[in-house]
Amino acid sequence: KKSPFSTLARVHPDHHRRGHGRALYAAIEAHLRRLGHRFWLSSTEEDNTRSRAFHAALGFREIGALSELNQDVREVFLRKDLVGETKP
């Protein structure tokens, strides 16, 4: 079975703090649950504190980082277990 991985999701700054990101992630999570996925992976740049806090608030946990991706900062990888958790 394939492992779901979010590569990029952004909300325009004019629309921050209005629940759009949470709504998007809730829809993705519901879809992944319907497909029977047991977990969901995502990533963000190490210095993106807003994204890291957003993911943590949604139940993601950091599982590692890579530094050799041809970018200036390390990429932090996150995981959210979908089995045994309540739906958003």
Protein backbone atom coordinates (compact mmCIF):
# COMPACT_ATOMS: atom_id res chain seq x y z
CA LYS A 1 0.00 0.00 0.00
CA LYS A 2 1.23 3.51 -0.77
CA SER A 3 2.09 5.97 1.98
CA PRO A 4 0.31 9.34 1.68
CA PHE A 5 2.68 12.32 1.74
CA SER A 6 1.75 16.01 1.57
CA THR A 7 4.40 17.86 -0.36
CA LEU A 8 3.06 21.41 -0.27
CA ALA A 9 0.01 23.16 1.11
CA ARG A 10 -0.20 26.90 1.54
CA VAL A 11 -2.81 29.45 2.43
CA HIS A 12 -2.30 32.96 1.10
CA PRO A 13 -1.17 35.27 3.94
CA ASP A 14 -4.28 37.44 3.48
CA HIS A 15 -6.33 34.43 4.56
CA HIS A 16 -4.26 33.16 7.49
CA ARG A 17 -5.94 32.47 10.85
CA ARG A 18 -9.38 31.88 9.30
CA GLY A 19 -9.47 28.07 9.46
CA HIS A 20 -8.75 27.43 5.78
CA GLY A 21 -5.65 25.33 6.45
CA ARG A 22 -7.43 23.29 9.11
CA ALA A 23 -10.39 22.74 6.79
CA LEU A 24 -8.08 21.62 3.97
CA TYR A 25 -6.21 19.20 6.21
CA ALA A 26 -9.46 17.89 7.72
CA ALA A 27 -10.76 17.10 4.21
CA ILE A 28 -7.50 15.37 3.26
CA GLU A 29 -7.49 13.39 6.49
CA ALA A 30 -11.10 12.28 6.04
CA HIS A 31 -10.28 11.11 2.52
CA LEU A 32 -7.20 9.20 3.70
CA ARG A 33 -9.25 7.53 6.44
CA ARG A 34 -11.89 6.47 3.90
CA LEU A 35 -9.12 4.91 1.81
CA GLY A 36 -7.95 2.97 4.88
CA HIS A 37 -4.58 4.65 5.40
CA ARG A 38 -3.04 4.10 8.81
CA PHE A 39 -0.85 7.24 8.82
CA TRP A 40 -0.11 10.42 6.89
CA LEU A 41 3.28 12.04 6.23
CA SER A 42 4.13 15.68 5.66
CA SER A 43 7.18 17.91 5.76
CA THR A 44 8.24 21.50 6.22
CA GLU A 45 11.44 23.49 6.37
CA GLU A 46 13.11 23.47 9.77
CA ASP A 47 12.89 27.24 10.17
CA ASN A 48 9.17 27.40 9.32
CA THR A 49 7.92 27.70 12.89
CA ARG A 50 4.36 28.54 11.82
CA SER A 51 4.06 25.34 9.77
CA ARG A 52 5.65 23.22 12.49
CA ALA A 53 3.21 24.62 15.08
CA PHE A 54 0.28 24.09 12.68
CA HIS A 55 1.20 20.45 12.11
CA ALA A 56 1.73 19.85 15.85
CA ALA A 57 -1.68 21.36 16.63
CA LEU A 58 -3.22 18.87 14.18
CA GLY A 59 -1.53 15.90 15.83
CA PHE A 60 1.54 15.46 13.63
CA ARG A 61 4.82 14.54 15.30
CA GLU A 62 8.31 15.14 13.96
CA ILE A 63 10.03 11.94 12.87
CA GLY A 64 13.30 13.15 11.34
CA ALA A 65 15.02 15.63 9.06
CA LEU A 66 17.17 15.70 5.95
CA SER A 67 19.80 18.29 5.17
CA GLU A 68 21.00 17.34 1.69
CA LEU A 69 17.99 18.37 -0.39
CA ASN A 70 19.64 21.25 -2.23
CA GLN A 71 18.00 23.88 -0.04
CA ASP A 72 19.34 26.25 2.61
CA VAL A 73 17.64 24.62 5.62
CA ARG A 74 16.88 21.08 6.71
CA GLU A 75 13.54 19.53 5.79
CA VAL A 76 11.65 18.21 8.82
CA PHE A 77 9.40 15.21 8.26
CA LEU A 78 6.20 14.70 10.23
CA ARG A 79 3.77 11.82 10.76
CA LYS A 80 0.18 11.63 11.92
CA ASP A 81 -1.19 8.24 12.89
CA LEU A 82 -4.78 7.84 11.69
CA VAL A 83 -5.60 4.51 13.34
CA GLY A 84 -7.00 4.73 16.84
CA GLU A 85 -7.51 8.49 16.74
CA THR A 86 -10.78 10.35 16.64
CA LYS A 87 -11.73 12.06 13.42
CA PRO A 88 -11.11 15.81 13.14
